[in-house]
Amino acid sequence: MTTYIPSLTLPEGIFHSLPASVVLPIALGSAVGYSTRPSKESRESITLKQPPLRPPASVFPPVWTALYGIMGYAAHRAVFLGTSPLNGPDTIVAARQGATLYTIQLGLNLAWMPLFYGLNQPALASADAVALLGLNSYLAWWWGTKVDRVAGWLLVPYVAWLGFATYLSFGTGYLNGWDLSPLFGKRGEGREQKGQKKGE
């Protein structure tokens, strides 16, 4: 059952501001991405097996930036229009309930890269991706049928990409035995070398 939980929901003022709604997910996604991505040296020496159809790494930043922006606009539209006093109480409640789901999914989205790259936990990251896919599929339906049809359709590209991203996450994890340590080989070697020098 969908519930509005203020403590787990972004302030309504963010949703009511179009710039804030669009910029927030882009800024947070970019910050997490840049802070957890592998170093240039590690990326150049990647030996991980990749599933078929995986696009070049250069594709991901612009795609995610666009999706974050569209997602933010969908959230703005659903909450801003949905909570208008001109609407009935059911629509207003549904808009706010969707805002809670949106906030939770944004947190799950931001957790994926730290799980996958930062903590070397591709299994947990893949479970996170499945949760994201299910939650956003439901959110697209919820907002689209109970609040604003356009907002629901705006989430469809995001849901489609999440399906593809889930495949990539599972595929990469499975093909590499759920161990991404080759990706961090040089980083680990660097730590070992520092430890050896201190012990000398």
N, C-alpha and C. Protein backbone atom coordinates (compact mmCIF):
# COMPACT_ATOMS: atom_id res chain seq x y z
N MET A 1 0.85 -1.20 0.00
CA MET A 1 0.00 0.00 0.00
C MET A 1 0.88 1.25 0.00
N THR A 2 0.53 2.24 -0.79
CA THR A 2 1.30 3.47 -0.88
C THR A 2 0.92 4.40 0.26
N THR A 3 1.95 4.92 0.94
CA THR A 3 1.73 5.78 2.10
C THR A 3 2.60 7.02 2.01
N TYR A 4 2.05 8.12 2.42
CA TYR A 4 2.83 9.36 2.49
C TYR A 4 3.57 9.39 3.82
N ILE A 5 4.91 9.45 3.76
CA ILE A 5 5.74 9.46 4.97
C ILE A 5 6.60 10.72 4.92
N PRO A 6 6.21 11.77 5.63
CA PRO A 6 6.95 13.04 5.55
C PRO A 6 8.44 12.90 5.83
N SER A 7 8.80 12.05 6.80
CA SER A 7 10.22 11.92 7.15
C SER A 7 11.04 11.26 6.06
N LEU A 8 10.39 10.58 5.13
CA LEU A 8 11.08 9.92 4.02
C LEU A 8 10.78 10.61 2.70
N THR A 9 10.34 11.85 2.76
CA THR A 9 9.95 12.57 1.55
C THR A 9 10.68 13.90 1.47
N LEU A 10 11.17 14.22 0.30
CA LEU A 10 11.79 15.53 0.10
C LEU A 10 10.78 16.64 0.42
N PRO A 11 11.26 17.78 0.90
CA PRO A 11 10.34 18.89 1.19
C PRO A 11 9.48 19.24 -0.03
N GLU A 12 8.24 19.52 0.22
CA GLU A 12 7.32 19.79 -0.88
C GLU A 12 7.76 21.01 -1.69
N GLY A 13 8.46 21.94 -1.04
CA GLY A 13 8.94 23.12 -1.73
C GLY A 13 9.88 22.79 -2.88
N ILE A 14 10.64 21.70 -2.74
CA ILE A 14 11.54 21.27 -3.82
C ILE A 14 10.72 20.84 -5.03
N PHE A 15 9.67 20.06 -4.79
CA PHE A 15 8.82 19.61 -5.88
C PHE A 15 8.09 20.76 -6.56
N HIS A 16 7.76 21.77 -5.79
CA HIS A 16 7.01 22.89 -6.35
C HIS A 16 7.90 23.81 -7.18
N SER A 17 9.20 23.70 -7.02
CA SER A 17 10.14 24.51 -7.81
C SER A 17 10.67 23.68 -8.97
N LEU A 18 10.38 24.10 -10.19
CA LEU A 18 10.86 23.35 -11.35
C LEU A 18 12.39 23.26 -11.39
N PRO A 19 13.13 24.37 -11.21
CA PRO A 19 14.60 24.27 -11.23
C PRO A 19 15.13 23.32 -10.15
N ALA A 20 14.58 23.42 -8.94
CA ALA A 20 15.06 22.55 -7.85
C ALA A 20 14.76 21.09 -8.15
N SER A 21 13.57 20.82 -8.66
CA SER A 21 13.19 19.43 -8.97
C SER A 21 14.09 18.81 -10.02
N VAL A 22 14.48 19.61 -11.01
CA VAL A 22 15.31 19.09 -12.11
C VAL A 22 16.78 19.03 -11.71
N VAL A 23 17.26 20.07 -11.05
CA VAL A 23 18.69 20.15 -10.73
C VAL A 23 19.10 19.20 -9.62
N LEU A 24 18.22 18.99 -8.63
CA LEU A 24 18.58 18.15 -7.48
C LEU A 24 19.04 16.75 -7.87
N PRO A 25 18.24 15.97 -8.62
CA PRO A 25 18.71 14.63 -8.97
C PRO A 25 19.95 14.65 -9.86
N ILE A 26 20.05 15.65 -10.75
CA ILE A 26 21.24 15.74 -11.60
C ILE A 26 22.48 16.00 -10.75
N ALA A 27 22.37 16.94 -9.80
CA ALA A 27 23.51 17.28 -8.94
C ALA A 27 23.90 16.12 -8.05
N LEU A 28 22.91 15.47 -7.43
CA LEU A 28 23.22 14.35 -6.54
C LEU A 28 23.79 13.17 -7.32
N GLY A 29 23.19 12.88 -8.46
CA GLY A 29 23.68 11.77 -9.28
C GLY A 29 25.09 12.00 -9.77
N SER A 30 25.37 13.23 -10.19
CA SER A 30 26.72 13.56 -10.68
C SER A 30 27.73 13.48 -9.55
N ALA A 31 27.37 13.99 -8.37
CA ALA A 31 28.29 13.97 -7.24
C ALA A 31 28.64 12.54 -6.83
N VAL A 32 27.62 11.69 -6.74
CA VAL A 32 27.86 10.30 -6.37
C VAL A 32 28.66 9.59 -7.45
N GLY A 33 28.33 9.85 -8.71
CA GLY A 33 29.03 9.21 -9.82
C GLY A 33 30.51 9.55 -9.84
N TYR A 34 30.83 10.84 -9.71
CA TYR A 34 32.23 11.25 -9.76
C TYR A 34 33.01 10.81 -8.53
N SER A 35 32.34 10.70 -7.39
CA SER A 35 33.05 10.34 -6.16
C SER A 35 33.30 8.84 -6.02
N THR A 36 32.52 8.02 -6.74
CA THR A 36 32.66 6.57 -6.59
C THR A 36 33.17 5.87 -7.83
N ARG A 37 33.30 6.57 -8.94
CA ARG A 37 33.77 5.90 -10.16
C ARG A 37 35.23 5.47 -9.99
N PRO A 38 35.64 4.40 -10.66
CA PRO A 38 37.02 3.94 -10.57
C PRO A 38 37.98 4.98 -11.12
N SER A 39 39.22 4.93 -10.66
CA SER A 39 40.22 5.86 -11.15
C SER A 39 40.51 5.61 -12.62
N LYS A 40 41.13 6.59 -13.27
CA LYS A 40 41.45 6.46 -14.68
C LYS A 40 42.38 5.27 -14.91
N GLU A 41 43.33 5.07 -14.00
CA GLU A 41 44.27 3.94 -14.14
C GLU A 41 43.52 2.61 -14.05
N SER A 42 42.56 2.52 -13.12
CA SER A 42 41.79 1.28 -12.98
C SER A 42 40.93 1.03 -14.21
N ARG A 43 40.29 2.10 -14.72
CA ARG A 43 39.43 1.92 -15.89
C ARG A 43 40.24 1.47 -17.10
N GLU A 44 41.47 1.95 -17.22
CA GLU A 44 42.31 1.58 -18.36
C GLU A 44 42.78 0.14 -18.27
N SER A 45 42.79 -0.42 -17.06
CA SER A 45 43.28 -1.78 -16.90
C SER A 45 42.17 -2.76 -16.57
N ILE A 46 40.91 -2.36 -16.83
CA ILE A 46 39.77 -3.23 -16.52
C ILE A 46 39.87 -4.56 -17.27
N THR A 47 39.71 -5.64 -16.54
CA THR A 47 39.71 -6.97 -17.15
C THR A 47 38.38 -7.68 -16.92
N LEU A 48 37.38 -6.94 -16.49
CA LEU A 48 36.09 -7.55 -16.22
C LEU A 48 35.41 -8.02 -17.51
N LYS A 49 34.70 -9.12 -17.41
CA LYS A 49 33.88 -9.58 -18.51
C LYS A 49 32.60 -8.78 -18.52
N GLN A 50 32.16 -8.38 -19.71
CA GLN A 50 30.97 -7.55 -19.84
C GLN A 50 29.89 -8.30 -20.62
N PRO A 51 28.62 -8.12 -20.25
CA PRO A 51 27.54 -8.79 -20.98
C PRO A 51 27.37 -8.17 -22.37
N PRO A 52 26.76 -8.90 -23.29
CA PRO A 52 26.50 -8.36 -24.63
C PRO A 52 25.66 -7.10 -24.57
N LEU A 53 25.86 -6.24 -25.55
CA LEU A 53 25.10 -5.00 -25.74
C LEU A 53 25.50 -3.89 -24.77
N ARG A 54 26.54 -4.11 -23.96
CA ARG A 54 26.96 -3.05 -23.06
C ARG A 54 27.54 -1.90 -23.87
N PRO A 55 27.00 -0.68 -23.72
CA PRO A 55 27.50 0.46 -24.50
C PRO A 55 28.82 0.97 -23.95
N PRO A 56 29.53 1.81 -24.70
CA PRO A 56 30.78 2.41 -24.20
C PRO A 56 30.52 3.24 -22.93
N ALA A 57 31.53 3.36 -22.10
CA ALA A 57 31.38 4.08 -20.84
C ALA A 57 30.95 5.53 -21.06
N SER A 58 31.34 6.10 -22.19
CA SER A 58 31.03 7.50 -22.47
C SER A 58 29.53 7.75 -22.66
N VAL A 59 28.76 6.67 -22.87
CA VAL A 59 27.32 6.81 -23.09
C VAL A 59 26.58 7.11 -21.78
N PHE A 60 27.07 6.57 -20.69
CA PHE A 60 26.32 6.63 -19.43
C PHE A 60 26.13 8.03 -18.86
N PRO A 61 27.17 8.87 -18.78
CA PRO A 61 26.94 10.21 -18.18
C PRO A 61 25.86 11.03 -18.86
N PRO A 62 25.87 11.18 -20.20
CA PRO A 62 24.80 11.98 -20.81
C PRO A 62 23.43 11.34 -20.69
N VAL A 63 23.36 10.01 -20.76
CA VAL A 63 22.06 9.34 -20.64
C VAL A 63 21.50 9.56 -19.24
N TRP A 64 22.33 9.35 -18.22
CA TRP A 64 21.84 9.52 -16.86
C TRP A 64 21.48 10.97 -16.56
N THR A 65 22.26 11.91 -17.10
CA THR A 65 21.93 13.32 -16.89
C THR A 65 20.56 13.65 -17.46
N ALA A 66 20.30 13.17 -18.67
CA ALA A 66 18.99 13.40 -19.29
C ALA A 66 17.87 12.74 -18.50
N LEU A 67 18.10 11.50 -18.06
CA LEU A 67 17.07 10.79 -17.31
C LEU A 67 16.80 11.43 -15.96
N TYR A 68 17.85 11.90 -15.30
CA TYR A 68 17.66 12.59 -14.03
C TYR A 68 16.82 13.85 -14.23
N GLY A 69 17.11 14.58 -15.30
CA GLY A 69 16.35 15.80 -15.58
C GLY A 69 14.89 15.51 -15.86
N ILE A 70 14.63 14.50 -16.68
CA ILE A 70 13.25 14.12 -17.00
C ILE A 70 12.52 13.63 -15.75
N MET A 71 13.23 12.83 -14.95
CA MET A 71 12.66 12.33 -13.71
C MET A 71 12.27 13.49 -12.79
N GLY A 72 13.17 14.47 -12.68
CA GLY A 72 12.89 15.62 -11.84
C GLY A 72 11.69 16.42 -12.33
N TYR A 73 11.58 16.56 -13.65
CA TYR A 73 10.44 17.28 -14.20
C TYR A 73 9.15 16.52 -13.95
N ALA A 74 9.19 15.20 -14.09
CA ALA A 74 8.00 14.39 -13.82
C ALA A 74 7.55 14.56 -12.37
N ALA A 75 8.52 14.57 -11.46
CA ALA A 75 8.19 14.73 -10.04
C ALA A 75 7.59 16.10 -9.78
N HIS A 76 8.18 17.12 -10.39
CA HIS A 76 7.65 18.48 -10.24
C HIS A 76 6.21 18.55 -10.74
N ARG A 77 6.00 18.01 -11.91
CA ARG A 77 4.67 18.09 -12.52
C ARG A 77 3.64 17.35 -11.67
N ALA A 78 3.99 16.15 -11.20
CA ALA A 78 3.03 15.34 -10.44
C ALA A 78 2.68 15.99 -9.11
N VAL A 79 3.68 16.49 -8.40
CA VAL A 79 3.42 17.04 -7.06
C VAL A 79 2.84 18.45 -7.15
N PHE A 80 3.41 19.27 -8.03
CA PHE A 80 2.93 20.65 -8.15
C PHE A 80 1.48 20.70 -8.63
N LEU A 81 1.20 19.96 -9.70
CA LEU A 81 -0.17 19.93 -10.21
C LEU A 81 -1.09 19.12 -9.31
N GLY A 82 -0.55 18.02 -8.78
CA GLY A 82 -1.38 17.11 -8.00
C GLY A 82 -1.83 17.68 -6.67
N THR A 83 -1.02 18.56 -6.06
CA THR A 83 -1.39 19.12 -4.76
C THR A 83 -2.11 20.45 -4.88
N SER A 84 -2.48 20.83 -6.08
CA SER A 84 -3.23 22.07 -6.27
C SER A 84 -4.55 22.01 -5.49
N PRO A 85 -4.90 23.11 -4.83
CA PRO A 85 -6.18 23.12 -4.09
C PRO A 85 -7.39 22.95 -4.99
N LEU A 86 -7.19 23.04 -6.30
CA LEU A 86 -8.30 22.84 -7.23
C LEU A 86 -8.64 21.36 -7.40
N ASN A 87 -7.73 20.48 -6.94
CA ASN A 87 -7.96 19.05 -7.05
C ASN A 87 -8.74 18.53 -5.85
N GLY A 88 -9.28 17.35 -6.01
CA GLY A 88 -9.97 16.70 -4.91
C GLY A 88 -8.96 16.13 -3.92
N PRO A 89 -9.40 15.78 -2.72
CA PRO A 89 -8.49 15.25 -1.70
C PRO A 89 -7.79 13.96 -2.12
N ASP A 90 -8.45 13.12 -2.90
CA ASP A 90 -7.82 11.86 -3.33
C ASP A 90 -6.60 12.13 -4.21
N THR A 91 -6.71 13.08 -5.12
CA THR A 91 -5.60 13.41 -6.01
C THR A 91 -4.44 14.01 -5.22
N ILE A 92 -4.74 14.88 -4.27
CA ILE A 92 -3.70 15.52 -3.47
C ILE A 92 -2.96 14.47 -2.64
N VAL A 93 -3.72 13.56 -2.04
CA VAL A 93 -3.08 12.49 -1.24
C VAL A 93 -2.23 11.60 -2.14
N ALA A 94 -2.72 11.24 -3.32
CA ALA A 94 -1.97 10.38 -4.24
C ALA A 94 -0.68 11.04 -4.69
N ALA A 95 -0.73 12.36 -4.93
CA ALA A 95 0.48 13.08 -5.33
C ALA A 95 1.52 13.03 -4.24
N ARG A 96 1.12 13.23 -3.00
CA ARG A 96 2.06 13.21 -1.88
C ARG A 96 2.58 11.80 -1.60
N GLN A 97 1.72 10.82 -1.76
CA GLN A 97 2.17 9.44 -1.60
C GLN A 97 3.23 9.09 -2.66
N GLY A 98 2.99 9.56 -3.89
CA GLY A 98 3.97 9.35 -4.94
C GLY A 98 5.28 10.06 -4.64
N ALA A 99 5.22 11.22 -3.97
CA ALA A 99 6.44 11.94 -3.62
C ALA A 99 7.30 11.13 -2.67
N THR A 100 6.66 10.38 -1.76
CA THR A 100 7.42 9.50 -0.87
C THR A 100 8.11 8.39 -1.66
N LEU A 101 7.38 7.77 -2.58
CA LEU A 101 7.96 6.72 -3.42
C LEU A 101 9.12 7.28 -4.25
N TYR A 102 8.94 8.46 -4.77
CA TYR A 102 9.98 9.10 -5.58
C TYR A 102 11.25 9.33 -4.76
N THR A 103 11.09 9.82 -3.55
CA THR A 103 12.24 10.08 -2.69
C THR A 103 12.98 8.79 -2.35
N ILE A 104 12.23 7.74 -2.06
CA ILE A 104 12.84 6.45 -1.74
C ILE A 104 13.60 5.91 -2.94
N GLN A 105 13.00 6.00 -4.13
CA GLN A 105 13.68 5.48 -5.31
C GLN A 105 14.93 6.29 -5.63
N LEU A 106 14.89 7.60 -5.34
CA LEU A 106 16.08 8.42 -5.58
C LEU A 106 17.21 7.97 -4.68
N GLY A 107 16.89 7.64 -3.43
CA GLY A 107 17.91 7.12 -2.52
C GLY A 107 18.48 5.80 -3.00
N LEU A 108 17.61 4.90 -3.47
CA LEU A 108 18.08 3.62 -4.01
C LEU A 108 18.95 3.83 -5.25
N ASN A 109 18.57 4.79 -6.07
CA ASN A 109 19.34 5.09 -7.27
C ASN A 109 20.75 5.55 -6.90
N LEU A 110 20.84 6.44 -5.94
CA LEU A 110 22.14 6.99 -5.53
C LEU A 110 23.00 5.94 -4.82
N ALA A 111 22.36 4.88 -4.29
CA ALA A 111 23.11 3.84 -3.58
C ALA A 111 23.77 2.85 -4.53
N TRP A 112 23.31 2.79 -5.79
CA TRP A 112 23.80 1.74 -6.68
C TRP A 112 25.31 1.83 -6.93
N MET A 113 25.81 3.00 -7.30
CA MET A 113 27.23 3.12 -7.61
C MET A 113 28.13 2.84 -6.41
N PRO A 114 27.81 3.37 -5.22
CA PRO A 114 28.63 3.00 -4.06
C PRO A 114 28.64 1.51 -3.78
N LEU A 115 27.48 0.86 -3.98
CA LEU A 115 27.42 -0.59 -3.76
C LEU A 115 28.25 -1.33 -4.81
N PHE A 116 28.09 -0.95 -6.06
CA PHE A 116 28.72 -1.67 -7.16
C PHE A 116 30.22 -1.39 -7.23
N TYR A 117 30.59 -0.11 -7.23
CA TYR A 117 31.98 0.27 -7.40
C TYR A 117 32.71 0.54 -6.10
N GLY A 118 32.02 1.19 -5.14
CA GLY A 118 32.72 1.57 -3.91
C GLY A 118 32.95 0.40 -2.97
N LEU A 119 31.96 -0.49 -2.83
CA LEU A 119 32.04 -1.58 -1.87
C LEU A 119 32.25 -2.95 -2.52
N ASN A 120 32.32 -2.99 -3.85
CA ASN A 120 32.51 -4.26 -4.56
C ASN A 120 31.42 -5.26 -4.15
N GLN A 121 30.16 -4.82 -4.24
CA GLN A 121 29.02 -5.66 -3.88
C GLN A 121 28.04 -5.73 -5.05
N PRO A 122 28.45 -6.37 -6.16
CA PRO A 122 27.56 -6.40 -7.33
C PRO A 122 26.24 -7.12 -7.08
N ALA A 123 26.22 -8.08 -6.16
CA ALA A 123 24.96 -8.78 -5.87
C ALA A 123 23.98 -7.83 -5.20
N LEU A 124 24.45 -7.08 -4.21
CA LEU A 124 23.59 -6.10 -3.55
C LEU A 124 23.18 -5.00 -4.52
N ALA A 125 24.11 -4.57 -5.37
CA ALA A 125 23.79 -3.54 -6.35
C ALA A 125 22.73 -4.03 -7.33
N SER A 126 22.80 -5.29 -7.71
CA SER A 126 21.81 -5.84 -8.62
C SER A 126 20.44 -5.95 -7.95
N ALA A 127 20.43 -6.33 -6.67
CA ALA A 127 19.17 -6.35 -5.92
C ALA A 127 18.59 -4.95 -5.82
N ASP A 128 19.47 -3.97 -5.63
CA ASP A 128 19.06 -2.57 -5.60
C ASP A 128 18.43 -2.17 -6.93
N ALA A 129 19.03 -2.62 -8.03
CA ALA A 129 18.52 -2.30 -9.36
C ALA A 129 17.14 -2.91 -9.58
N VAL A 130 16.94 -4.13 -9.10
CA VAL A 130 15.63 -4.77 -9.23
C VAL A 130 14.58 -3.99 -8.45
N ALA A 131 14.95 -3.57 -7.23
CA ALA A 131 14.02 -2.78 -6.42
C ALA A 131 13.69 -1.46 -7.11
N LEU A 132 14.70 -0.83 -7.70
CA LEU A 132 14.48 0.42 -8.43
C LEU A 132 13.52 0.21 -9.59
N LEU A 133 13.73 -0.84 -10.34
CA LEU A 133 12.88 -1.13 -11.50
C LEU A 133 11.44 -1.33 -11.09
N GLY A 134 11.23 -2.14 -10.05
CA GLY A 134 9.87 -2.39 -9.58
C GLY A 134 9.21 -1.15 -9.01
N LEU A 135 9.96 -0.40 -8.21
CA LEU A 135 9.39 0.79 -7.57
C LEU A 135 9.01 1.85 -8.59
N ASN A 136 9.87 2.06 -9.58
CA ASN A 136 9.59 3.10 -10.57
C ASN A 136 8.51 2.67 -11.57
N SER A 137 8.42 1.39 -11.83
CA SER A 137 7.30 0.91 -12.67
C SER A 137 5.98 1.20 -11.97
N TYR A 138 5.97 0.94 -10.66
CA TYR A 138 4.76 1.21 -9.88
C TYR A 138 4.50 2.71 -9.78
N LEU A 139 5.56 3.51 -9.59
CA LEU A 139 5.39 4.95 -9.47
C LEU A 139 4.86 5.56 -10.78
N ALA A 140 5.37 5.07 -11.90
CA ALA A 140 4.87 5.56 -13.20
C ALA A 140 3.38 5.27 -13.33
N TRP A 141 2.99 4.07 -12.93
CA TRP A 141 1.56 3.74 -12.97
C TRP A 141 0.77 4.58 -11.99
N TRP A 142 1.29 4.76 -10.77
CA TRP A 142 0.59 5.48 -9.71
C TRP A 142 0.33 6.93 -10.11
N TRP A 143 1.41 7.62 -10.48
CA TRP A 143 1.25 9.01 -10.87
C TRP A 143 0.43 9.13 -12.16
N GLY A 144 0.67 8.21 -13.10
CA GLY A 144 -0.01 8.30 -14.39
C GLY A 144 -1.50 8.07 -14.33
N THR A 145 -1.94 7.23 -13.39
CA THR A 145 -3.36 6.90 -13.31
C THR A 145 -4.11 7.69 -12.24
N LYS A 146 -3.39 8.18 -11.24
CA LYS A 146 -4.07 8.82 -10.11
C LYS A 146 -3.80 10.32 -10.01
N VAL A 147 -2.76 10.81 -10.71
CA VAL A 147 -2.41 12.22 -10.55
C VAL A 147 -2.34 12.95 -11.90
N ASP A 148 -1.40 12.55 -12.73
CA ASP A 148 -1.18 13.25 -14.00
C ASP A 148 -0.63 12.27 -15.02
N ARG A 149 -1.33 12.07 -16.10
CA ARG A 149 -0.93 11.09 -17.11
C ARG A 149 0.44 11.41 -17.70
N VAL A 150 0.70 12.69 -17.95
CA VAL A 150 1.99 13.09 -18.53
C VAL A 150 3.14 12.72 -17.61
N ALA A 151 2.98 12.96 -16.31
CA ALA A 151 4.03 12.62 -15.35
C ALA A 151 4.33 11.13 -15.39
N GLY A 152 3.31 10.32 -15.50
CA GLY A 152 3.52 8.88 -15.58
C GLY A 152 4.29 8.49 -16.82
N TRP A 153 3.91 9.05 -17.97
CA TRP A 153 4.61 8.72 -19.21
C TRP A 153 6.04 9.23 -19.23
N LEU A 154 6.29 10.34 -18.53
CA LEU A 154 7.66 10.87 -18.48
C LEU A 154 8.62 9.92 -17.78
N LEU A 155 8.11 9.06 -16.91
CA LEU A 155 8.95 8.10 -16.22
C LEU A 155 9.24 6.84 -17.04
N VAL A 156 8.54 6.68 -18.15
CA VAL A 156 8.71 5.46 -18.95
C VAL A 156 10.14 5.29 -19.48
N PRO A 157 10.80 6.34 -20.02
CA PRO A 157 12.19 6.16 -20.47
C PRO A 157 13.11 5.76 -19.32
N TYR A 158 12.87 6.32 -18.15
CA TYR A 158 13.67 5.97 -16.97
C TYR A 158 13.47 4.51 -16.60
N VAL A 159 12.23 4.05 -16.62
CA VAL A 159 11.94 2.65 -16.31
C VAL A 159 12.58 1.72 -17.33
N ALA A 160 12.51 2.10 -18.61
CA ALA A 160 13.11 1.27 -19.66
C ALA A 160 14.62 1.18 -19.47
N TRP A 161 15.26 2.30 -19.16
CA TRP A 161 16.71 2.28 -18.95
C TRP A 161 17.07 1.49 -17.71
N LEU A 162 16.24 1.57 -16.67
CA LEU A 162 16.50 0.79 -15.46
C LEU A 162 16.44 -0.71 -15.76
N GLY A 163 15.54 -1.10 -16.66
CA GLY A 163 15.50 -2.50 -17.06
C GLY A 163 16.80 -2.93 -17.71
N PHE A 164 17.32 -2.08 -18.59
CA PHE A 164 18.59 -2.37 -19.26
C PHE A 164 19.74 -2.34 -18.26
N ALA A 165 19.72 -1.38 -17.34
CA ALA A 165 20.77 -1.26 -16.34
C ALA A 165 20.77 -2.47 -15.40
N THR A 166 19.59 -2.99 -15.10
CA THR A 166 19.50 -4.19 -14.25
C THR A 166 20.14 -5.38 -14.95
N TYR A 167 19.87 -5.49 -16.24
CA TYR A 167 20.51 -6.56 -17.03
C TYR A 167 22.03 -6.42 -17.00
N LEU A 168 22.54 -5.21 -17.18
CA LEU A 168 23.98 -5.00 -17.17
C LEU A 168 24.58 -5.31 -15.80
N SER A 169 23.87 -4.91 -14.75
CA SER A 169 24.36 -5.15 -13.40
C SER A 169 24.44 -6.64 -13.10
N PHE A 170 23.36 -7.36 -13.39
CA PHE A 170 23.36 -8.81 -13.18
C PHE A 170 24.37 -9.49 -14.09
N GLY A 171 24.40 -9.06 -15.35
CA GLY A 171 25.32 -9.70 -16.29
C GLY A 171 26.76 -9.54 -15.90
N THR A 172 27.16 -8.34 -15.51
CA THR A 172 28.54 -8.10 -15.11
C THR A 172 28.88 -8.88 -13.84
N GLY A 173 27.97 -8.88 -12.89
CA GLY A 173 28.20 -9.63 -11.66
C GLY A 173 28.34 -11.12 -11.92
N TYR A 174 27.43 -11.66 -12.69
CA TYR A 174 27.43 -13.11 -12.96
C TYR A 174 28.67 -13.53 -13.73
N LEU A 175 29.02 -12.79 -14.77
CA LEU A 175 30.16 -13.17 -15.61
C LEU A 175 31.48 -13.08 -14.87
N ASN A 176 31.53 -12.33 -13.79
CA ASN A 176 32.77 -12.16 -13.04
C ASN A 176 32.71 -12.81 -11.66
N GLY A 177 31.79 -13.76 -11.52
CA GLY A 177 31.71 -14.49 -10.25
C GLY A 177 31.34 -13.62 -9.08
N TRP A 178 30.60 -12.54 -9.35
CA TRP A 178 30.18 -11.59 -8.32
C TRP A 178 31.36 -11.02 -7.55
N ASP A 179 32.46 -10.84 -8.25
CA ASP A 179 33.67 -10.25 -7.64
C ASP A 179 34.26 -9.26 -8.62
N LEU A 180 34.28 -7.99 -8.26
CA LEU A 180 34.79 -6.95 -9.15
C LEU A 180 36.21 -6.52 -8.78
N SER A 181 36.91 -7.33 -7.99
CA SER A 181 38.24 -6.92 -7.54
C SER A 181 39.21 -6.59 -8.67
N PRO A 182 39.12 -7.23 -9.88
CA PRO A 182 40.02 -6.80 -10.96
C PRO A 182 39.90 -5.33 -11.30
N LEU A 183 38.71 -4.78 -11.10
CA LEU A 183 38.50 -3.37 -11.39
C LEU A 183 39.29 -2.47 -10.45
N PHE A 184 39.57 -3.01 -9.26
CA PHE A 184 40.25 -2.21 -8.24
C PHE A 184 41.65 -2.75 -7.96
N GLY A 185 42.16 -3.54 -8.90
CA GLY A 185 43.47 -4.17 -8.69
C GLY A 185 44.56 -3.19 -8.35
N LYS A 186 44.68 -2.15 -9.16
CA LYS A 186 45.76 -1.19 -8.94
C LYS A 186 45.56 -0.42 -7.65
N ARG A 187 44.29 -0.14 -7.33
CA ARG A 187 44.02 0.59 -6.10
C ARG A 187 44.45 -0.25 -4.91
N GLY A 188 44.09 -1.56 -4.96
CA GLY A 188 44.48 -2.45 -3.88
C GLY A 188 45.97 -2.64 -3.80
N GLU A 189 46.64 -2.77 -4.98
CA GLU A 189 48.08 -2.94 -4.98
C GLU A 189 48.75 -1.74 -4.38
N GLY A 190 48.20 -0.55 -4.67
CA GLY A 190 48.78 0.67 -4.12
C GLY A 190 48.72 0.68 -2.61
N ARG A 191 47.60 0.21 -2.04
CA ARG A 191 47.49 0.16 -0.60
C ARG A 191 48.46 -0.84 0.00
N GLU A 192 48.62 -2.01 -0.71
CA GLU A 192 49.53 -3.02 -0.21
C GLU A 192 50.97 -2.52 -0.21
N GLN A 193 51.35 -1.82 -1.29
CA GLN A 193 52.70 -1.29 -1.39
C GLN A 193 52.98 -0.28 -0.28
N LYS A 194 51.98 0.57 0.01
CA LYS A 194 52.16 1.54 1.08
C LYS A 194 52.34 0.85 2.41
N GLY A 195 51.55 -0.24 2.61
CA GLY A 195 51.67 -0.97 3.86
C GLY A 195 53.03 -1.63 3.99
N GLN A 196 53.54 -2.16 2.88
CA GLN A 196 54.87 -2.79 2.92
C GLN A 196 55.95 -1.79 3.24
N LYS A 197 55.85 -0.59 2.67
CA LYS A 197 56.85 0.44 2.93
C LYS A 197 56.84 0.85 4.39
N LYS A 198 55.64 0.97 4.97
CA LYS A 198 55.58 1.32 6.37
C LYS A 198 56.17 0.24 7.26
N GLY A 199 56.02 -1.02 6.82
CA GLY A 199 56.54 -2.13 7.61
C GLY A 199 58.03 -2.33 7.49
N GLU A 200 58.65 -1.77 6.45
CA GLU A 200 60.09 -1.95 6.22
C GLU A 200 60.91 -1.22 7.29
